[in-house]
Amino acid sequence: MTTHATEPRHDRRPDSGQARGRGTGSRVLLVSVTALVACATGVAGTLLLQRTTAPDTSAVDAQAAGLAEDLRKELNAGFYSGGGTYGGQFTEGTLVARVETHGGALLSAGTAQDGPGGTVHTAEVMLGLVPPGTGTVAANAYPVRCHRYTFGVGTYSVKQSATPCPATRTDGRPGSLAAQMGVLLTRQPTGPNAYRQTATSGYAHTPQGALGFLKDKHLVTAGDTVNAVSGTADGDGVYVLALRINGACQYLRMDSAPTSSRLIPLWTAPADEQEPCTVKRAVAAAGLYGIDPAKAG
């Protein structure tokens, strides 16, 4: 199903051989000393230049710390956090929205069992794609950096660490990964309410119902091209779709439960899932990270 939504960013000669010998020796000594001094000066100058011109990563590092803090708030106990959740009643959609708020893109996400300690979620992100919203940051002082986040249940489970950015694109094509992520960000839905908490109840769990929801909630506009790839029921009144909006893979989670209004239903698939864009991966991404025991009764 392909459709455009219909509703409404570079000299003197020496006198003797003996004199020539002494003169030559002096010149050799002078050249040697000069070379050593120049070499030492060059090394020192290079080190000084590196120190004075090295990128200032404080701005993007602050965004990384802010993302970690956002995750801690999501994992806080509801009765302590003023409406937050414990164990994270949020999905990958919430994670993507948080990453994009801090100027980045989600490279990959995964979940693994950590023995008796329970489930551990991981997220690899690239930050530095979009400068902070406050103030102006020079381009050479705002480098792209990658971070890895892990979290389980509770605020103190969130761990953050810097990690080298991948050297290649996630789709195997030649070019820069940062450039790939930049293009991905430009292909997001243009609707003013994209990536917001929105209830999906009342819409048919079909591709046509999904398109109607996207249009009615202004998650897409007339300028967006929507291609539904596939959808499937996921139990407990949940319907999940993998679709493309403006060529970028998006996941849509439709939930008939009243609490679904606290979830972000539409989000950009991680970079390493952009090419396959399968409903199987969408279902895995749509699972809740947890439920606040206080709200679960």
C-alpha atoms as a PDB file:
ATOM      1  CA  MET A   1       0.000   0.000   0.000  1.00  0.00           C
ATOM      2  CA  THR A   2       1.500   3.293  -1.151  1.00  0.00           C
ATOM      3  CA  THR A   3      -0.288   6.519  -0.441  1.00  0.00           C
ATOM      4  CA  HIS A   4       0.242  10.173   0.195  1.00  0.00           C
ATOM      5  CA  ALA A   5      -1.491  11.429   3.305  1.00  0.00           C
ATOM      6  CA  THR A   6      -4.258  13.812   2.314  1.00  0.00           C
ATOM      7  CA  GLU A   7      -4.184  16.041   5.385  1.00  0.00           C
ATOM      8  CA  PRO A   8      -2.810  18.484   6.928  1.00  0.00           C
ATOM      9  CA  ARG A   9      15.529  22.119   7.526  1.00  0.00           C
ATOM     10  CA  HIS A  10      35.850  24.446   4.421  1.00  0.00           C
ATOM     11  CA  ASP A  11      80.547  33.419   1.928  1.00  0.00           C
ATOM     12  CA  ARG A  12      83.681  33.456   2.322  1.00  0.00           C
ATOM     13  CA  ARG A  13      86.113  30.850   0.895  1.00  0.00           C
ATOM     14  CA  PRO A  14      88.350  29.257   3.494  1.00  0.00           C
ATOM     15  CA  ASP A  15      92.174  29.803   3.192  1.00  0.00           C
ATOM     16  CA  SER A  16      93.341  26.258   3.832  1.00  0.00           C
ATOM     17  CA  GLY A  17      92.197  22.677   3.858  1.00  0.00           C
ATOM     18  CA  GLN A  18      92.449  22.638   7.632  1.00  0.00           C
ATOM     19  CA  ALA A  19      90.180  25.616   7.770  1.00  0.00           C
ATOM     20  CA  ARG A  20      87.773  23.869   5.422  1.00  0.00           C
ATOM     21  CA  GLY A  21      87.816  20.848   7.692  1.00  0.00           C
ATOM     22  CA  ARG A  22      87.002  22.875  10.788  1.00  0.00           C
ATOM     23  CA  GLY A  23      84.380  24.862   8.907  1.00  0.00           C
ATOM     24  CA  THR A  24      82.727  21.754   7.607  1.00  0.00           C
ATOM     25  CA  GLY A  25      82.697  20.206  11.062  1.00  0.00           C
ATOM     26  CA  SER A  26      81.161  23.356  12.503  1.00  0.00           C
ATOM     27  CA  ARG A  27      78.501  23.419   9.852  1.00  0.00           C
ATOM     28  CA  VAL A  28      77.683  19.766  10.409  1.00  0.00           C
ATOM     29  CA  LEU A  29      77.416  20.360  14.137  1.00  0.00           C
ATOM     30  CA  LEU A  30      75.266  23.435  13.566  1.00  0.00           C
ATOM     31  CA  VAL A  31      72.981  21.601  11.145  1.00  0.00           C
ATOM     32  CA  SER A  32      72.666  18.667  13.541  1.00  0.00           C
ATOM     33  CA  VAL A  33      71.807  20.890  16.495  1.00  0.00           C
ATOM     34  CA  THR A  34      69.397  22.888  14.380  1.00  0.00           C
ATOM     35  CA  ALA A  35      67.698  19.703  13.198  1.00  0.00           C
ATOM     36  CA  LEU A  36      67.337  18.423  16.731  1.00  0.00           C
ATOM     37  CA  VAL A  37      65.921  21.710  17.928  1.00  0.00           C
ATOM     38  CA  ALA A  38      63.576  21.875  14.959  1.00  0.00           C
ATOM     39  CA  CYS A  39      62.460  18.324  15.544  1.00  0.00           C
ATOM     40  CA  ALA A  40      61.825  18.944  19.224  1.00  0.00           C
ATOM     41  CA  THR A  41      60.071  22.187  18.426  1.00  0.00           C
ATOM     42  CA  GLY A  42      58.002  20.476  15.772  1.00  0.00           C
ATOM     43  CA  VAL A  43      56.849  17.710  18.108  1.00  0.00           C
ATOM     44  CA  ALA A  44      56.095  20.178  20.855  1.00  0.00           C
ATOM     45  CA  GLY A  45      54.314  22.406  18.373  1.00  0.00           C
ATOM     46  CA  THR A  46      52.245  19.503  17.107  1.00  0.00           C
ATOM     47  CA  LEU A  47      51.261  18.488  20.629  1.00  0.00           C
ATOM     48  CA  LEU A  48      50.396  22.094  21.447  1.00  0.00           C
ATOM     49  CA  LEU A  49      48.368  22.378  18.258  1.00  0.00           C
ATOM     50  CA  GLN A  50      46.525  19.162  19.081  1.00  0.00           C
ATOM     51  CA  ARG A  51      45.762  20.436  22.543  1.00  0.00           C
ATOM     52  CA  THR A  52      44.527  23.782  21.320  1.00  0.00           C
ATOM     53  CA  THR A  53      42.556  22.477  18.327  1.00  0.00           C
ATOM     54  CA  ALA A  54      41.143  19.213  19.691  1.00  0.00           C
ATOM     55  CA  PRO A  55      37.349  19.188  19.491  1.00  0.00           C
ATOM     56  CA  ASP A  56      35.521  20.285  22.589  1.00  0.00           C
ATOM     57  CA  THR A  57      33.176  17.401  23.293  1.00  0.00           C
ATOM     58  CA  SER A  58      31.472  18.980  26.297  1.00  0.00           C
ATOM     59  CA  ALA A  59      28.284  19.835  24.417  1.00  0.00           C
ATOM     60  CA  VAL A  60      27.662  16.378  23.010  1.00  0.00           C
ATOM     61  CA  ASP A  61      28.825  14.748  26.260  1.00  0.00           C
ATOM     62  CA  ALA A  62      26.193  16.788  28.054  1.00  0.00           C
ATOM     63  CA  GLN A  63      23.572  15.401  25.695  1.00  0.00           C
ATOM     64  CA  ALA A  64      24.764  11.869  26.425  1.00  0.00           C
ATOM     65  CA  ALA A  65      24.455  12.493  30.159  1.00  0.00           C
ATOM     66  CA  GLY A  66      21.016  13.994  29.600  1.00  0.00           C
ATOM     67  CA  LEU A  67      19.863  10.881  27.771  1.00  0.00           C
ATOM     68  CA  ALA A  68      21.046   8.686  30.652  1.00  0.00           C
ATOM     69  CA  GLU A  69      19.146  10.892  33.092  1.00  0.00           C
ATOM     70  CA  ASP A  70      15.989  10.623  30.989  1.00  0.00           C
ATOM     71  CA  LEU A  71      16.210   6.839  31.118  1.00  0.00           C
ATOM     72  CA  ARG A  72      16.650   6.952  34.892  1.00  0.00           C
ATOM     73  CA  LYS A  73      13.492   9.019  35.168  1.00  0.00           C
ATOM     74  CA  GLU A  74      11.593   6.522  33.038  1.00  0.00           C
ATOM     75  CA  LEU A  75      12.733   3.730  35.353  1.00  0.00           C
ATOM     76  CA  ASN A  76      11.827   5.538  38.562  1.00  0.00           C
ATOM     77  CA  ALA A  77       9.005   4.376  40.809  1.00  0.00           C
ATOM     78  CA  GLY A  78       5.722   5.984  39.837  1.00  0.00           C
ATOM     79  CA  PHE A  79       4.891   7.273  43.298  1.00  0.00           C
ATOM     80  CA  TYR A  80       8.341   8.925  43.548  1.00  0.00           C
ATOM     81  CA  SER A  81       8.644  10.363  40.041  1.00  0.00           C
ATOM     82  CA  GLY A  82       5.385  12.219  39.616  1.00  0.00           C
ATOM     83  CA  GLY A  83       3.899   9.906  37.028  1.00  0.00           C
ATOM     84  CA  GLY A  84       7.006   8.115  35.770  1.00  0.00           C
ATOM     85  CA  THR A  85       7.203   4.362  35.696  1.00  0.00           C
ATOM     86  CA  TYR A  86       9.160   1.644  37.429  1.00  0.00           C
ATOM     87  CA  GLY A  87      10.655  -1.013  35.189  1.00  0.00           C
ATOM     88  CA  GLY A  88       9.764   1.291  32.347  1.00  0.00           C
ATOM     89  CA  GLN A  89       6.258   1.219  30.936  1.00  0.00           C
ATOM     90  CA  PHE A  90       7.681   2.386  27.666  1.00  0.00           C
ATOM     91  CA  THR A  91       8.769   0.821  24.416  1.00  0.00           C
ATOM     92  CA  GLU A  92      11.570   1.322  21.945  1.00  0.00           C
ATOM     93  CA  GLY A  93       9.490   4.243  20.704  1.00  0.00           C
ATOM     94  CA  THR A  94      10.130   6.124  23.938  1.00  0.00           C
ATOM     95  CA  LEU A  95      13.828   5.356  23.672  1.00  0.00           C
ATOM     96  CA  VAL A  96      13.990   6.647  20.088  1.00  0.00           C
ATOM     97  CA  ALA A  97      12.153   9.823  21.036  1.00  0.00           C
ATOM     98  CA  ARG A  98      14.582  10.468  23.915  1.00  0.00           C
ATOM     99  CA  VAL A  99      17.618   9.894  21.677  1.00  0.00           C
ATOM    100  CA  GLU A 100      16.319  12.253  19.012  1.00  0.00           C
ATOM    101  CA  THR A 101      15.554  14.897  21.633  1.00  0.00           C
ATOM    102  CA  HIS A 102      19.274  14.848  22.458  1.00  0.00           C
ATOM    103  CA  GLY A 103      20.359  15.225  18.843  1.00  0.00           C
ATOM    104  CA  GLY A 104      21.047  11.625  17.946  1.00  0.00           C
ATOM    105  CA  ALA A 105      19.855   8.431  16.317  1.00  0.00           C
ATOM    106  CA  LEU A 106      19.433   4.876  17.581  1.00  0.00           C
ATOM    107  CA  LEU A 107      21.946   2.570  15.884  1.00  0.00           C
ATOM    108  CA  SER A 108      20.793  -0.696  17.444  1.00  0.00           C
ATOM    109  CA  ALA A 109      18.811  -2.069  20.355  1.00  0.00           C
ATOM    110  CA  GLY A 110      18.653  -5.463  21.987  1.00  0.00           C
ATOM    111  CA  THR A 111      17.498  -7.464  24.975  1.00  0.00           C
ATOM    112  CA  ALA A 112      19.264 -10.333  26.731  1.00  0.00           C
ATOM    113  CA  GLN A 113      18.767 -12.424  29.845  1.00  0.00           C
ATOM    114  CA  ASP A 114      21.403 -11.680  32.466  1.00  0.00           C
ATOM    115  CA  GLY A 115      21.062 -14.873  34.447  1.00  0.00           C
ATOM    116  CA  PRO A 116      19.268 -14.558  37.776  1.00  0.00           C
ATOM    117  CA  GLY A 117      19.590 -10.765  37.579  1.00  0.00           C
ATOM    118  CA  GLY A 118      16.843 -10.587  34.993  1.00  0.00           C
ATOM    119  CA  THR A 119      16.573  -8.909  31.617  1.00  0.00           C
ATOM    120  CA  VAL A 120      19.088  -6.332  30.404  1.00  0.00           C
ATOM    121  CA  HIS A 121      18.318  -3.969  27.548  1.00  0.00           C
ATOM    122  CA  THR A 122      21.019  -2.347  25.438  1.00  0.00           C
ATOM    123  CA  ALA A 123      21.013   0.621  23.096  1.00  0.00           C
ATOM    124  CA  GLU A 124      23.828   1.881  20.865  1.00  0.00           C
ATOM    125  CA  VAL A 125      23.318   5.511  19.870  1.00  0.00           C
ATOM    126  CA  MET A 126      25.074   8.130  17.776  1.00  0.00           C
ATOM    127  CA  LEU A 127      24.945  11.639  19.235  1.00  0.00           C
ATOM    128  CA  GLY A 128      26.171  14.924  17.789  1.00  0.00           C
ATOM    129  CA  LEU A 129      24.029  14.856  14.658  1.00  0.00           C
ATOM    130  CA  VAL A 130      21.977  17.832  15.819  1.00  0.00           C
ATOM    131  CA  PRO A 131      23.500  20.532  18.068  1.00  0.00           C
ATOM    132  CA  PRO A 132      21.842  21.449  21.367  1.00  0.00           C
ATOM    133  CA  GLY A 133      18.834  23.703  21.037  1.00  0.00           C
ATOM    134  CA  THR A 134      20.257  26.368  23.317  1.00  0.00           C
ATOM    135  CA  GLY A 135      23.113  28.575  22.136  1.00  0.00           C
ATOM    136  CA  THR A 136      25.345  28.207  19.085  1.00  0.00           C
ATOM    137  CA  VAL A 137      28.044  25.548  18.916  1.00  0.00           C
ATOM    138  CA  ALA A 138      30.877  25.721  16.348  1.00  0.00           C
ATOM    139  CA  ALA A 139      30.845  22.756  13.989  1.00  0.00           C
ATOM    140  CA  ASN A 140      34.424  21.729  14.855  1.00  0.00           C
ATOM    141  CA  ALA A 141      33.549  21.816  18.538  1.00  0.00           C
ATOM    142  CA  TYR A 142      30.639  19.436  18.190  1.00  0.00           C
ATOM    143  CA  PRO A 143      31.939  16.011  17.091  1.00  0.00           C
ATOM    144  CA  VAL A 144      29.787  12.981  16.486  1.00  0.00           C
ATOM    145  CA  ARG A 145      30.197  10.460  19.303  1.00  0.00           C
ATOM    146  CA  CYS A 146      28.679   7.079  20.052  1.00  0.00           C
ATOM    147  CA  HIS A 147      27.500   5.743  23.400  1.00  0.00           C
ATOM    148  CA  ARG A 148      26.190   2.478  24.759  1.00  0.00           C
ATOM    149  CA  TYR A 149      23.425   2.364  27.336  1.00  0.00           C
ATOM    150  CA  THR A 150      22.306  -0.635  29.343  1.00  0.00           C
ATOM    151  CA  PHE A 151      19.410  -0.798  31.755  1.00  0.00           C
ATOM    152  CA  GLY A 152      17.210  -3.276  33.528  1.00  0.00           C
ATOM    153  CA  VAL A 153      14.724  -2.518  36.284  1.00  0.00           C
ATOM    154  CA  GLY A 154      15.063   0.610  38.378  1.00  0.00           C
ATOM    155  CA  THR A 155      16.856   3.943  38.181  1.00  0.00           C
ATOM    156  CA  TYR A 156      20.250   2.617  39.243  1.00  0.00           C
ATOM    157  CA  SER A 157      20.292  -0.030  36.520  1.00  0.00           C
ATOM    158  CA  VAL A 158      21.117   2.575  33.857  1.00  0.00           C
ATOM    159  CA  LYS A 159      24.758   2.445  32.756  1.00  0.00           C
ATOM    160  CA  GLN A 160      26.352   4.708  30.147  1.00  0.00           C
ATOM    161  CA  SER A 161      29.714   4.353  28.369  1.00  0.00           C
ATOM    162  CA  ALA A 162      31.392   5.930  25.346  1.00  0.00           C
ATOM    163  CA  THR A 163      32.111   3.529  22.523  1.00  0.00           C
ATOM    164  CA  PRO A 164      33.836   3.898  19.143  1.00  0.00           C
ATOM    165  CA  CYS A 165      31.419   4.661  16.342  1.00  0.00           C
ATOM    166  CA  PRO A 166      31.153   1.980  13.665  1.00  0.00           C
ATOM    167  CA  ALA A 167      33.460   2.622  10.718  1.00  0.00           C
ATOM    168  CA  THR A 168      30.904   1.603   8.103  1.00  0.00           C
ATOM    169  CA  ARG A 169      27.275   2.247   7.304  1.00  0.00           C
ATOM    170  CA  THR A 170      24.730  -0.155   8.714  1.00  0.00           C
ATOM    171  CA  ASP A 171      23.385  -0.987   5.253  1.00  0.00           C
ATOM    172  CA  GLY A 172      26.783  -2.094   3.899  1.00  0.00           C
ATOM    173  CA  ARG A 173      26.913   0.661   1.302  1.00  0.00           C
ATOM    174  CA  PRO A 174      29.977   2.903   0.883  1.00  0.00           C
ATOM    175  CA  GLY A 175      30.012   6.197   2.705  1.00  0.00           C
ATOM    176  CA  SER A 176      29.835   7.730   6.149  1.00  0.00           C
ATOM    177  CA  LEU A 177      27.654   6.343   8.909  1.00  0.00           C
ATOM    178  CA  ALA A 178      27.115   9.871  10.232  1.00  0.00           C
ATOM    179  CA  ALA A 179      25.907  10.946   6.797  1.00  0.00           C
ATOM    180  CA  GLN A 180      23.575   7.950   6.690  1.00  0.00           C
ATOM    181  CA  MET A 181      22.124   8.910  10.060  1.00  0.00           C
ATOM    182  CA  GLY A 182      21.743  12.519   8.961  1.00  0.00           C
ATOM    183  CA  VAL A 183      19.694  11.461   5.959  1.00  0.00           C
ATOM    184  CA  LEU A 184      17.620   9.159   8.151  1.00  0.00           C
ATOM    185  CA  LEU A 185      16.698  12.063  10.432  1.00  0.00           C
ATOM    186  CA  THR A 186      15.537  14.126   7.449  1.00  0.00           C
ATOM    187  CA  ARG A 187      13.166  11.359   6.384  1.00  0.00           C
ATOM    188  CA  GLN A 188      11.101  11.395   9.528  1.00  0.00           C
ATOM    189  CA  PRO A 189       7.385  12.093   9.355  1.00  0.00           C
ATOM    190  CA  THR A 190       6.757  15.815   9.079  1.00  0.00           C
ATOM    191  CA  GLY A 191       3.609  15.920  11.177  1.00  0.00           C
ATOM    192  CA  PRO A 192       3.793  18.276  14.172  1.00  0.00           C
ATOM    193  CA  ASN A 193       2.783  15.521  16.577  1.00  0.00           C
ATOM    194  CA  ALA A 194       5.168  12.825  15.374  1.00  0.00           C
ATOM    195  CA  TYR A 195       6.805  10.854  18.178  1.00  0.00           C
ATOM    196  CA  ARG A 196       4.342  11.953  20.836  1.00  0.00           C
ATOM    197  CA  GLN A 197       2.372   9.928  23.337  1.00  0.00           C
ATOM    198  CA  THR A 198      -0.940   9.219  21.606  1.00  0.00           C
ATOM    199  CA  ALA A 199      -3.790   6.774  22.140  1.00  0.00           C
ATOM    200  CA  THR A 200      -4.504   4.420  19.232  1.00  0.00           C
ATOM    201  CA  SER A 201      -7.779   2.991  20.489  1.00  0.00           C
ATOM    202  CA  GLY A 202     -10.759   3.281  18.178  1.00  0.00           C
ATOM    203  CA  TYR A 203      -8.917   2.473  14.947  1.00  0.00           C
ATOM    204  CA  ALA A 204      -9.175  -0.797  13.062  1.00  0.00           C
ATOM    205  CA  HIS A 205      -6.175  -3.067  13.376  1.00  0.00           C
ATOM    206  CA  THR A 206      -5.535  -3.100   9.641  1.00  0.00           C
ATOM    207  CA  PRO A 207      -3.172  -1.225   7.301  1.00  0.00           C
ATOM    208  CA  GLN A 208      -6.076   0.999   6.326  1.00  0.00           C
ATOM    209  CA  GLY A 209      -6.918   1.662   9.963  1.00  0.00           C
ATOM    210  CA  ALA A 210      -3.276   2.475  10.646  1.00  0.00           C
ATOM    211  CA  LEU A 211      -3.204   5.015   7.812  1.00  0.00           C
ATOM    212  CA  GLY A 212      -6.381   6.593   9.118  1.00  0.00           C
ATOM    213  CA  PHE A 213      -4.825   6.880  12.583  1.00  0.00           C
ATOM    214  CA  LEU A 214      -1.649   8.488  11.207  1.00  0.00           C
ATOM    215  CA  LYS A 215      -3.668  11.056   9.262  1.00  0.00           C
ATOM    216  CA  ASP A 216      -6.228  11.835  11.962  1.00  0.00           C
ATOM    217  CA  LYS A 217      -3.568  12.336  14.623  1.00  0.00           C
ATOM    218  CA  HIS A 218      -1.464  14.439  12.219  1.00  0.00           C
ATOM    219  CA  LEU A 219       1.493  12.115  12.579  1.00  0.00           C
ATOM    220  CA  VAL A 220       1.883  12.405   8.811  1.00  0.00           C
ATOM    221  CA  THR A 221       0.878  15.184   6.446  1.00  0.00           C
ATOM    222  CA  ALA A 222       0.024  15.501   2.779  1.00  0.00           C
ATOM    223  CA  GLY A 223       3.731  15.754   1.989  1.00  0.00           C
ATOM    224  CA  ASP A 224       4.566  12.352   3.487  1.00  0.00           C
ATOM    225  CA  THR A 225       4.595   9.160   1.436  1.00  0.00           C
ATOM    226  CA  VAL A 226       3.449   6.112   3.414  1.00  0.00           C
ATOM    227  CA  ASN A 227       4.082   2.529   2.315  1.00  0.00           C
ATOM    228  CA  ALA A 228       2.629  -0.166   4.564  1.00  0.00           C
ATOM    229  CA  VAL A 229       4.943  -3.172   4.551  1.00  0.00           C
ATOM    230  CA  SER A 230       3.136  -5.574   6.841  1.00  0.00           C
ATOM    231  CA  GLY A 231       1.209  -5.833  10.092  1.00  0.00           C
ATOM    232  CA  THR A 232       0.284  -8.530  12.591  1.00  0.00           C
ATOM    233  CA  ALA A 233      -1.648  -9.015  15.802  1.00  0.00           C
ATOM    234  CA  ASP A 234       0.588  -9.264  18.870  1.00  0.00           C
ATOM    235  CA  GLY A 235      -1.891 -10.387  21.537  1.00  0.00           C
ATOM    236  CA  ASP A 236      -3.683  -8.442  24.276  1.00  0.00           C
ATOM    237  CA  GLY A 237      -5.276  -6.079  21.769  1.00  0.00           C
ATOM    238  CA  VAL A 238      -1.972  -5.006  20.227  1.00  0.00           C
ATOM    239  CA  TYR A 239      -1.416  -4.667  16.473  1.00  0.00           C
ATOM    240  CA  VAL A 240       2.080  -3.914  15.134  1.00  0.00           C
ATOM    241  CA  LEU A 241       3.120  -2.696  11.704  1.00  0.00           C
ATOM    242  CA  ALA A 242       6.407  -2.162   9.892  1.00  0.00           C
ATOM    243  CA  LEU A 243       5.989   0.586   7.313  1.00  0.00           C
ATOM    244  CA  ARG A 244       7.992   3.153   5.404  1.00  0.00           C
ATOM    245  CA  ILE A 245       7.377   6.864   5.649  1.00  0.00           C
ATOM    246  CA  ASN A 246       9.364   8.937   3.163  1.00  0.00           C
ATOM    247  CA  GLY A 247      11.460   5.831   2.535  1.00  0.00           C
ATOM    248  CA  ALA A 248      12.536   5.365   6.163  1.00  0.00           C
ATOM    249  CA  CYS A 249      11.440   2.302   8.126  1.00  0.00           C
ATOM    250  CA  GLN A 250       9.033   3.107  10.947  1.00  0.00           C
ATOM    251  CA  TYR A 251       7.328   0.891  13.517  1.00  0.00           C
ATOM    252  CA  LEU A 252       3.735   1.498  14.583  1.00  0.00           C
ATOM    253  CA  ARG A 253       2.220  -0.027  17.722  1.00  0.00           C
ATOM    254  CA  MET A 254      -1.577   0.131  17.972  1.00  0.00           C
ATOM    255  CA  ASP A 255      -2.943  -0.786  21.394  1.00  0.00           C
ATOM    256  CA  SER A 256      -6.600  -0.837  22.421  1.00  0.00           C
ATOM    257  CA  ALA A 257      -5.803  -0.695  26.157  1.00  0.00           C
ATOM    258  CA  PRO A 258      -6.636   2.571  27.986  1.00  0.00           C
ATOM    259  CA  THR A 259      -3.036   2.885  29.214  1.00  0.00           C
ATOM    260  CA  SER A 260      -1.753   3.056  25.619  1.00  0.00           C
ATOM    261  CA  SER A 261      -2.145   6.828  25.698  1.00  0.00           C
ATOM    262  CA  ARG A 262       1.078   6.940  27.751  1.00  0.00           C
ATOM    263  CA  LEU A 263       3.056   5.286  24.964  1.00  0.00           C
ATOM    264  CA  ILE A 264       4.612   6.672  21.779  1.00  0.00           C
ATOM    265  CA  PRO A 265       2.964   4.622  19.009  1.00  0.00           C
ATOM    266  CA  LEU A 266       5.186   5.568  16.043  1.00  0.00           C
ATOM    267  CA  TRP A 267       8.980   5.649  15.890  1.00  0.00           C
ATOM    268  CA  THR A 268      11.951   5.259  13.530  1.00  0.00           C
ATOM    269  CA  ALA A 269      13.396   1.747  13.457  1.00  0.00           C
ATOM    270  CA  PRO A 270      17.022   1.418  14.604  1.00  0.00           C
ATOM    271  CA  ALA A 271      19.605   2.014  11.883  1.00  0.00           C
ATOM    272  CA  ASP A 272      20.559  -1.656  11.637  1.00  0.00           C
ATOM    273  CA  GLU A 273      16.913  -2.554  11.004  1.00  0.00           C
ATOM    274  CA  GLN A 274      16.233   0.021   8.307  1.00  0.00           C
ATOM    275  CA  GLU A 275      16.969  -2.277   5.382  1.00  0.00           C
ATOM    276  CA  PRO A 276      14.945  -5.393   6.343  1.00  0.00           C
ATOM    277  CA  CYS A 277      12.056  -3.425   7.914  1.00  0.00           C
ATOM    278  CA  THR A 278      10.153  -6.589   8.857  1.00  0.00           C
ATOM    279  CA  VAL A 279       7.087  -6.933  11.042  1.00  0.00           C
ATOM    280  CA  LYS A 280       8.912  -9.607  13.063  1.00  0.00           C
ATOM    281  CA  ARG A 281      11.454  -7.008  14.179  1.00  0.00           C
ATOM    282  CA  ALA A 282       8.679  -4.500  14.755  1.00  0.00           C
ATOM    283  CA  VAL A 283       6.966  -6.915  17.143  1.00  0.00           C
ATOM    284  CA  ALA A 284      10.208  -7.402  19.100  1.00  0.00           C
ATOM    285  CA  ALA A 285      10.652  -3.627  19.308  1.00  0.00           C
ATOM    286  CA  ALA A 286       7.080  -3.026  20.425  1.00  0.00           C
ATOM    287  CA  GLY A 287       7.305  -4.998  23.679  1.00  0.00           C
ATOM    288  CA  LEU A 288       7.003  -3.089  26.931  1.00  0.00           C
ATOM    289  CA  TYR A 289      10.210  -2.652  28.903  1.00  0.00           C
ATOM    290  CA  GLY A 290       8.260  -3.204  32.102  1.00  0.00           C
ATOM    291  CA  ILE A 291       5.234  -2.305  34.185  1.00  0.00           C
ATOM    292  CA  ASP A 292       5.128  -0.167  37.321  1.00  0.00           C
ATOM    293  CA  PRO A 293       4.002  -2.565  40.061  1.00  0.00           C
ATOM    294  CA  ALA A 294       2.149   0.280  41.770  1.00  0.00           C
ATOM    295  CA  LYS A 295       0.065   0.796  38.597  1.00  0.00           C
ATOM    296  CA  ALA A 296      -0.323  -2.881  37.821  1.00  0.00           C
ATOM    297  CA  GLY A 297      -2.367  -3.398  40.989  1.00  0.00           C
END
